[in-house]
Amino acid sequence: MDAEIASLEQKIELLISKYAAAQAENRNLRDQIAALEAAQREINDRLGVASSRVEALIARLPELNT
């Protein structure tokens, strides 16, 4: 009986340890996602600015008569 309780105790400790590790990994992944989303927003903003500048330059080009 004591051996069964000790075995169960070990399994519970292992489960708790794996749960804590999974929580930490989940936090890290959420942080990575937040950082990547922020980087993506910044890139999209910069792309929008670049696109507007290109459109403005194209609008200033003289029309070609062919």
PDB file of N, CA and C in Angstrom:
ATOM      1  N   MET A   1       0.811  -1.188   0.000  1.00  0.00           N
ATOM      2  CA  MET A   1       0.000   0.000   0.000  1.00  0.00           C
ATOM      3  C   MET A   1       0.862   1.263   0.000  1.00  0.00           C
ATOM      4  N   ASP A   2       1.918   1.249   0.824  1.00  0.00           N
ATOM      5  CA  ASP A   2       2.803   2.406   0.881  1.00  0.00           C
ATOM      6  C   ASP A   2       3.504   2.617  -0.456  1.00  0.00           C
ATOM      7  N   ALA A   3       3.838   1.526  -1.110  1.00  0.00           N
ATOM      8  CA  ALA A   3       4.512   1.624  -2.413  1.00  0.00           C
ATOM      9  C   ALA A   3       3.566   2.229  -3.444  1.00  0.00           C
ATOM     10  N   GLU A   4       2.313   1.857  -3.374  1.00  0.00           N
ATOM     11  CA  GLU A   4       1.327   2.415  -4.305  1.00  0.00           C
ATOM     12  C   GLU A   4       1.141   3.909  -4.072  1.00  0.00           C
ATOM     13  N   ILE A   5       1.102   4.306  -2.819  1.00  0.00           N
ATOM     14  CA  ILE A   5       0.950   5.722  -2.488  1.00  0.00           C
ATOM     15  C   ILE A   5       2.191   6.493  -2.941  1.00  0.00           C
ATOM     16  N   ALA A   6       3.365   5.938  -2.726  1.00  0.00           N
ATOM     17  CA  ALA A   6       4.609   6.584  -3.145  1.00  0.00           C
ATOM     18  C   ALA A   6       4.652   6.716  -4.664  1.00  0.00           C
ATOM     19  N   SER A   7       4.214   5.672  -5.356  1.00  0.00           N
ATOM     20  CA  SER A   7       4.181   5.717  -6.822  1.00  0.00           C
ATOM     21  C   SER A   7       3.199   6.779  -7.301  1.00  0.00           C
ATOM     22  N   LEU A   8       2.044   6.824  -6.676  1.00  0.00           N
ATOM     23  CA  LEU A   8       1.034   7.815  -7.034  1.00  0.00           C
ATOM     24  C   LEU A   8       1.551   9.223  -6.748  1.00  0.00           C
ATOM     25  N   GLU A   9       2.251   9.374  -5.630  1.00  0.00           N
ATOM     26  CA  GLU A   9       2.837  10.656  -5.259  1.00  0.00           C
ATOM     27  C   GLU A   9       3.831  11.121  -6.321  1.00  0.00           C
ATOM     28  N   GLN A  10       4.651  10.205  -6.790  1.00  0.00           N
ATOM     29  CA  GLN A  10       5.637  10.523  -7.835  1.00  0.00           C
ATOM     30  C   GLN A  10       4.937  10.942  -9.120  1.00  0.00           C
ATOM     31  N   LYS A  11       3.906  10.215  -9.475  1.00  0.00           N
ATOM     32  CA  LYS A  11       3.164  10.535 -10.702  1.00  0.00           C
ATOM     33  C   LYS A  11       2.500  11.908 -10.592  1.00  0.00           C
ATOM     34  N   ILE A  12       1.954  12.216  -9.430  1.00  0.00           N
ATOM     35  CA  ILE A  12       1.325  13.522  -9.237  1.00  0.00           C
ATOM     36  C   ILE A  12       2.366  14.625  -9.320  1.00  0.00           C
ATOM     37  N   GLU A  13       3.520  14.436  -8.703  1.00  0.00           N
ATOM     38  CA  GLU A  13       4.594  15.433  -8.760  1.00  0.00           C
ATOM     39  C   GLU A  13       5.060  15.646 -10.199  1.00  0.00           C
ATOM     40  N   LEU A  14       5.169  14.561 -10.945  1.00  0.00           N
ATOM     41  CA  LEU A  14       5.564  14.662 -12.347  1.00  0.00           C
ATOM     42  C   LEU A  14       4.505  15.414 -13.149  1.00  0.00           C
ATOM     43  N   LEU A  15       3.255  15.119 -12.889  1.00  0.00           N
ATOM     44  CA  LEU A  15       2.151  15.795 -13.573  1.00  0.00           C
ATOM     45  C   LEU A  15       2.163  17.294 -13.263  1.00  0.00           C
ATOM     46  N   ILE A  16       2.367  17.637 -12.000  1.00  0.00           N
ATOM     47  CA  ILE A  16       2.428  19.048 -11.599  1.00  0.00           C
ATOM     48  C   ILE A  16       3.608  19.734 -12.279  1.00  0.00           C
ATOM     49  N   SER A  17       4.729  19.066 -12.337  1.00  0.00           N
ATOM     50  CA  SER A  17       5.922  19.616 -12.979  1.00  0.00           C
ATOM     51  C   SER A  17       5.680  19.850 -14.470  1.00  0.00           C
ATOM     52  N   LYS A  18       5.081  18.876 -15.134  1.00  0.00           N
ATOM     53  CA  LYS A  18       4.789  19.020 -16.564  1.00  0.00           C
ATOM     54  C   LYS A  18       3.752  20.114 -16.797  1.00  0.00           C
ATOM     55  N   TYR A  19       2.789  20.243 -15.902  1.00  0.00           N
ATOM     56  CA  TYR A  19       1.771  21.287 -16.009  1.00  0.00           C
ATOM     57  C   TYR A  19       2.419  22.667 -15.896  1.00  0.00           C
ATOM     58  N   ALA A  20       3.314  22.825 -14.934  1.00  0.00           N
ATOM     59  CA  ALA A  20       3.999  24.104 -14.758  1.00  0.00           C
ATOM     60  C   ALA A  20       4.861  24.428 -15.972  1.00  0.00           C
ATOM     61  N   ALA A  21       5.532  23.425 -16.519  1.00  0.00           N
ATOM     62  CA  ALA A  21       6.350  23.636 -17.714  1.00  0.00           C
ATOM     63  C   ALA A  21       5.476  24.027 -18.904  1.00  0.00           C
ATOM     64  N   ALA A  22       4.333  23.393 -19.026  1.00  0.00           N
ATOM     65  CA  ALA A  22       3.408  23.715 -20.125  1.00  0.00           C
ATOM     66  C   ALA A  22       2.879  25.140 -19.968  1.00  0.00           C
ATOM     67  N   GLN A  23       2.584  25.552 -18.737  1.00  0.00           N
ATOM     68  CA  GLN A  23       2.126  26.917 -18.497  1.00  0.00           C
ATOM     69  C   GLN A  23       3.203  27.926 -18.886  1.00  0.00           C
ATOM     70  N   ALA A  24       4.449  27.653 -18.507  1.00  0.00           N
ATOM     71  CA  ALA A  24       5.556  28.555 -18.838  1.00  0.00           C
ATOM     72  C   ALA A  24       5.744  28.636 -20.352  1.00  0.00           C
ATOM     73  N   GLU A  25       5.678  27.487 -21.014  1.00  0.00           N
ATOM     74  CA  GLU A  25       5.819  27.478 -22.470  1.00  0.00           C
ATOM     75  C   GLU A  25       4.668  28.250 -23.125  1.00  0.00           C
ATOM     76  N   ASN A  26       3.476  28.084 -22.602  1.00  0.00           N
ATOM     77  CA  ASN A  26       2.307  28.785 -23.125  1.00  0.00           C
ATOM     78  C   ASN A  26       2.495  30.296 -22.983  1.00  0.00           C
ATOM     79  N   ARG A  27       2.989  30.745 -21.824  1.00  0.00           N
ATOM     80  CA  ARG A  27       3.260  32.171 -21.619  1.00  0.00           C
ATOM     81  C   ARG A  27       4.281  32.677 -22.625  1.00  0.00           C
ATOM     82  N   ASN A  28       5.356  31.905 -22.814  1.00  0.00           N
ATOM     83  CA  ASN A  28       6.386  32.292 -23.780  1.00  0.00           C
ATOM     84  C   ASN A  28       5.815  32.384 -25.194  1.00  0.00           C
ATOM     85  N   LEU A  29       4.994  31.424 -25.565  1.00  0.00           N
ATOM     86  CA  LEU A  29       4.399  31.435 -26.901  1.00  0.00           C
ATOM     87  C   LEU A  29       3.456  32.617 -27.075  1.00  0.00           C
ATOM     88  N   ARG A  30       2.701  32.950 -26.038  1.00  0.00           N
ATOM     89  CA  ARG A  30       1.809  34.116 -26.108  1.00  0.00           C
ATOM     90  C   ARG A  30       2.623  35.401 -26.274  1.00  0.00           C
ATOM     91  N   ASP A  31       3.748  35.486 -25.551  1.00  0.00           N
ATOM     92  CA  ASP A  31       4.621  36.653 -25.687  1.00  0.00           C
ATOM     93  C   ASP A  31       5.198  36.744 -27.105  1.00  0.00           C
ATOM     94  N   GLN A  32       5.600  35.601 -27.638  1.00  0.00           N
ATOM     95  CA  GLN A  32       6.137  35.575 -29.007  1.00  0.00           C
ATOM     96  C   GLN A  32       5.075  36.001 -30.008  1.00  0.00           C
ATOM     97  N   ILE A  33       3.864  35.520 -29.820  1.00  0.00           N
ATOM     98  CA  ILE A  33       2.768  35.887 -30.722  1.00  0.00           C
ATOM     99  C   ILE A  33       2.523  37.394 -30.664  1.00  0.00           C
ATOM    100  N   ALA A  34       2.506  37.939 -29.450  1.00  0.00           N
ATOM    101  CA  ALA A  34       2.278  39.380 -29.299  1.00  0.00           C
ATOM    102  C   ALA A  34       3.383  40.173 -29.994  1.00  0.00           C
ATOM    103  N   ALA A  35       4.633  39.732 -29.841  1.00  0.00           N
ATOM    104  CA  ALA A  35       5.753  40.432 -30.473  1.00  0.00           C
ATOM    105  C   ALA A  35       5.667  40.328 -31.995  1.00  0.00           C
ATOM    106  N   LEU A  36       5.326  39.166 -32.494  1.00  0.00           N
ATOM    107  CA  LEU A  36       5.207  38.980 -33.941  1.00  0.00           C
ATOM    108  C   LEU A  36       4.041  39.788 -34.510  1.00  0.00           C
ATOM    109  N   GLU A  37       2.940  39.848 -33.781  1.00  0.00           N
ATOM    110  CA  GLU A  37       1.803  40.650 -34.248  1.00  0.00           C
ATOM    111  C   GLU A  37       2.162  42.136 -34.280  1.00  0.00           C
ATOM    112  N   ALA A  38       2.907  42.588 -33.286  1.00  0.00           N
ATOM    113  CA  ALA A  38       3.337  43.994 -33.270  1.00  0.00           C
ATOM    114  C   ALA A  38       4.269  44.277 -34.442  1.00  0.00           C
ATOM    115  N   ALA A  39       5.189  43.348 -34.700  1.00  0.00           N
ATOM    116  CA  ALA A  39       6.109  43.505 -35.833  1.00  0.00           C
ATOM    117  C   ALA A  39       5.332  43.514 -37.146  1.00  0.00           C
ATOM    118  N   GLN A  40       4.331  42.662 -37.255  1.00  0.00           N
ATOM    119  CA  GLN A  40       3.519  42.607 -38.473  1.00  0.00           C
ATOM    120  C   GLN A  40       2.752  43.910 -38.679  1.00  0.00           C
ATOM    121  N   ARG A  41       2.203  44.462 -37.590  1.00  0.00           N
ATOM    122  CA  ARG A  41       1.502  45.742 -37.699  1.00  0.00           C
ATOM    123  C   ARG A  41       2.457  46.838 -38.174  1.00  0.00           C
ATOM    124  N   GLU A  42       3.658  46.847 -37.627  1.00  0.00           N
ATOM    125  CA  GLU A  42       4.641  47.852 -38.028  1.00  0.00           C
ATOM    126  C   GLU A  42       5.008  47.700 -39.502  1.00  0.00           C
ATOM    127  N   ILE A  43       5.206  46.477 -39.945  1.00  0.00           N
ATOM    128  CA  ILE A  43       5.536  46.229 -41.353  1.00  0.00           C
ATOM    129  C   ILE A  43       4.380  46.654 -42.250  1.00  0.00           C
ATOM    130  N   ASN A  44       3.152  46.327 -41.843  1.00  0.00           N
ATOM    131  CA  ASN A  44       1.982  46.723 -42.637  1.00  0.00           C
ATOM    132  C   ASN A  44       1.863  48.242 -42.720  1.00  0.00           C
ATOM    133  N   ASP A  45       2.129  48.918 -41.608  1.00  0.00           N
ATOM    134  CA  ASP A  45       2.089  50.381 -41.617  1.00  0.00           C
ATOM    135  C   ASP A  45       3.138  50.944 -42.569  1.00  0.00           C
ATOM    136  N   ARG A  46       4.347  50.405 -42.489  1.00  0.00           N
ATOM    137  CA  ARG A  46       5.425  50.877 -43.358  1.00  0.00           C
ATOM    138  C   ARG A  46       5.117  50.582 -44.820  1.00  0.00           C
ATOM    139  N   LEU A  47       4.504  49.435 -45.083  1.00  0.00           N
ATOM    140  CA  LEU A  47       4.116  49.085 -46.446  1.00  0.00           C
ATOM    141  C   LEU A  47       3.060  50.045 -46.969  1.00  0.00           C
ATOM    142  N   GLY A  48       2.122  50.418 -46.112  1.00  0.00           N
ATOM    143  CA  GLY A  48       1.097  51.371 -46.507  1.00  0.00           C
ATOM    144  C   GLY A  48       1.693  52.726 -46.853  1.00  0.00           C
ATOM    145  N   VAL A  49       2.653  53.170 -46.053  1.00  0.00           N
ATOM    146  CA  VAL A  49       3.323  54.441 -46.327  1.00  0.00           C
ATOM    147  C   VAL A  49       4.079  54.364 -47.646  1.00  0.00           C
ATOM    148  N   ALA A  50       4.811  53.272 -47.847  1.00  0.00           N
ATOM    149  CA  ALA A  50       5.570  53.113 -49.086  1.00  0.00           C
ATOM    150  C   ALA A  50       4.634  53.068 -50.295  1.00  0.00           C
ATOM    151  N   SER A  51       3.523  52.371 -50.152  1.00  0.00           N
ATOM    152  CA  SER A  51       2.562  52.263 -51.243  1.00  0.00           C
ATOM    153  C   SER A  51       1.985  53.642 -51.587  1.00  0.00           C
ATOM    154  N   SER A  52       1.665  54.417 -50.564  1.00  0.00           N
ATOM    155  CA  SER A  52       1.143  55.769 -50.797  1.00  0.00           C
ATOM    156  C   SER A  52       2.172  56.642 -51.509  1.00  0.00           C
ATOM    157  N   ARG A  53       3.424  56.509 -51.111  1.00  0.00           N
ATOM    158  CA  ARG A  53       4.471  57.304 -51.744  1.00  0.00           C
ATOM    159  C   ARG A  53       4.652  56.913 -53.209  1.00  0.00           C
ATOM    160  N   VAL A  54       4.596  55.618 -53.490  1.00  0.00           N
ATOM    161  CA  VAL A  54       4.728  55.158 -54.874  1.00  0.00           C
ATOM    162  C   VAL A  54       3.548  55.660 -55.701  1.00  0.00           C
ATOM    163  N   GLU A  55       2.343  55.573 -55.152  1.00  0.00           N
ATOM    164  CA  GLU A  55       1.162  56.060 -55.870  1.00  0.00           C
ATOM    165  C   GLU A  55       1.275  57.558 -56.144  1.00  0.00           C
ATOM    166  N   ALA A  56       1.788  58.314 -55.159  1.00  0.00           N
ATOM    167  CA  ALA A  56       1.957  59.759 -55.350  1.00  0.00           C
ATOM    168  C   ALA A  56       2.981  60.036 -56.449  1.00  0.00           C
ATOM    169  N   LEU A  57       4.054  59.258 -56.482  1.00  0.00           N
ATOM    170  CA  LEU A  57       5.066  59.433 -57.533  1.00  0.00           C
ATOM    171  C   LEU A  57       4.486  59.094 -58.904  1.00  0.00           C
ATOM    172  N   ILE A  58       3.717  58.031 -58.966  1.00  0.00           N
ATOM    173  CA  ILE A  58       3.111  57.637 -60.240  1.00  0.00           C
ATOM    174  C   ILE A  58       2.155  58.727 -60.720  1.00  0.00           C
ATOM    175  N   ALA A  59       1.415  59.315 -59.801  1.00  0.00           N
ATOM    176  CA  ALA A  59       0.462  60.367 -60.175  1.00  0.00           C
ATOM    177  C   ALA A  59       1.190  61.588 -60.727  1.00  0.00           C
ATOM    178  N   ARG A  60       2.411  61.811 -60.314  1.00  0.00           N
ATOM    179  CA  ARG A  60       3.170  62.969 -60.785  1.00  0.00           C
ATOM    180  C   ARG A  60       3.837  62.732 -62.137  1.00  0.00           C
ATOM    181  N   LEU A  61       3.898  61.484 -62.578  1.00  0.00           N
ATOM    182  CA  LEU A  61       4.522  61.191 -63.873  1.00  0.00           C
ATOM    183  C   LEU A  61       3.666  61.757 -64.994  1.00  0.00           C
ATOM    184  N   PRO A  62       4.324  62.286 -65.995  1.00  0.00           N
ATOM    185  CA  PRO A  62       3.528  62.772 -67.148  1.00  0.00           C
ATOM    186  C   PRO A  62       2.903  61.586 -67.870  1.00  0.00           C
ATOM    187  N   GLU A  63       1.754  61.835 -68.434  1.00  0.00           N
ATOM    188  CA  GLU A  63       1.067  60.769 -69.159  1.00  0.00           C
ATOM    189  C   GLU A  63       1.825  60.489 -70.456  1.00  0.00           C
ATOM    190  N   LEU A  64       1.894  59.239 -70.826  1.00  0.00           N
ATOM    191  CA  LEU A  64       2.569  58.866 -72.069  1.00  0.00           C
ATOM    192  C   LEU A  64       1.554  58.851 -73.185  1.00  0.00           C
ATOM    193  N   ASN A  65       1.867  59.510 -74.271  1.00  0.00           N
ATOM    194  CA  ASN A  65       0.992  59.501 -75.446  1.00  0.00           C
ATOM    195  C   ASN A  65       1.559  58.527 -76.442  1.00  0.00           C
ATOM    196  N   THR A  66       0.952  57.401 -76.544  1.00  0.00           N
ATOM    197  CA  THR A  66       1.446  56.388 -77.502  1.00  0.00           C
ATOM    198  C   THR A  66       0.441  56.130 -78.595  1.00  0.00           C
TER     199      THR A  66
END
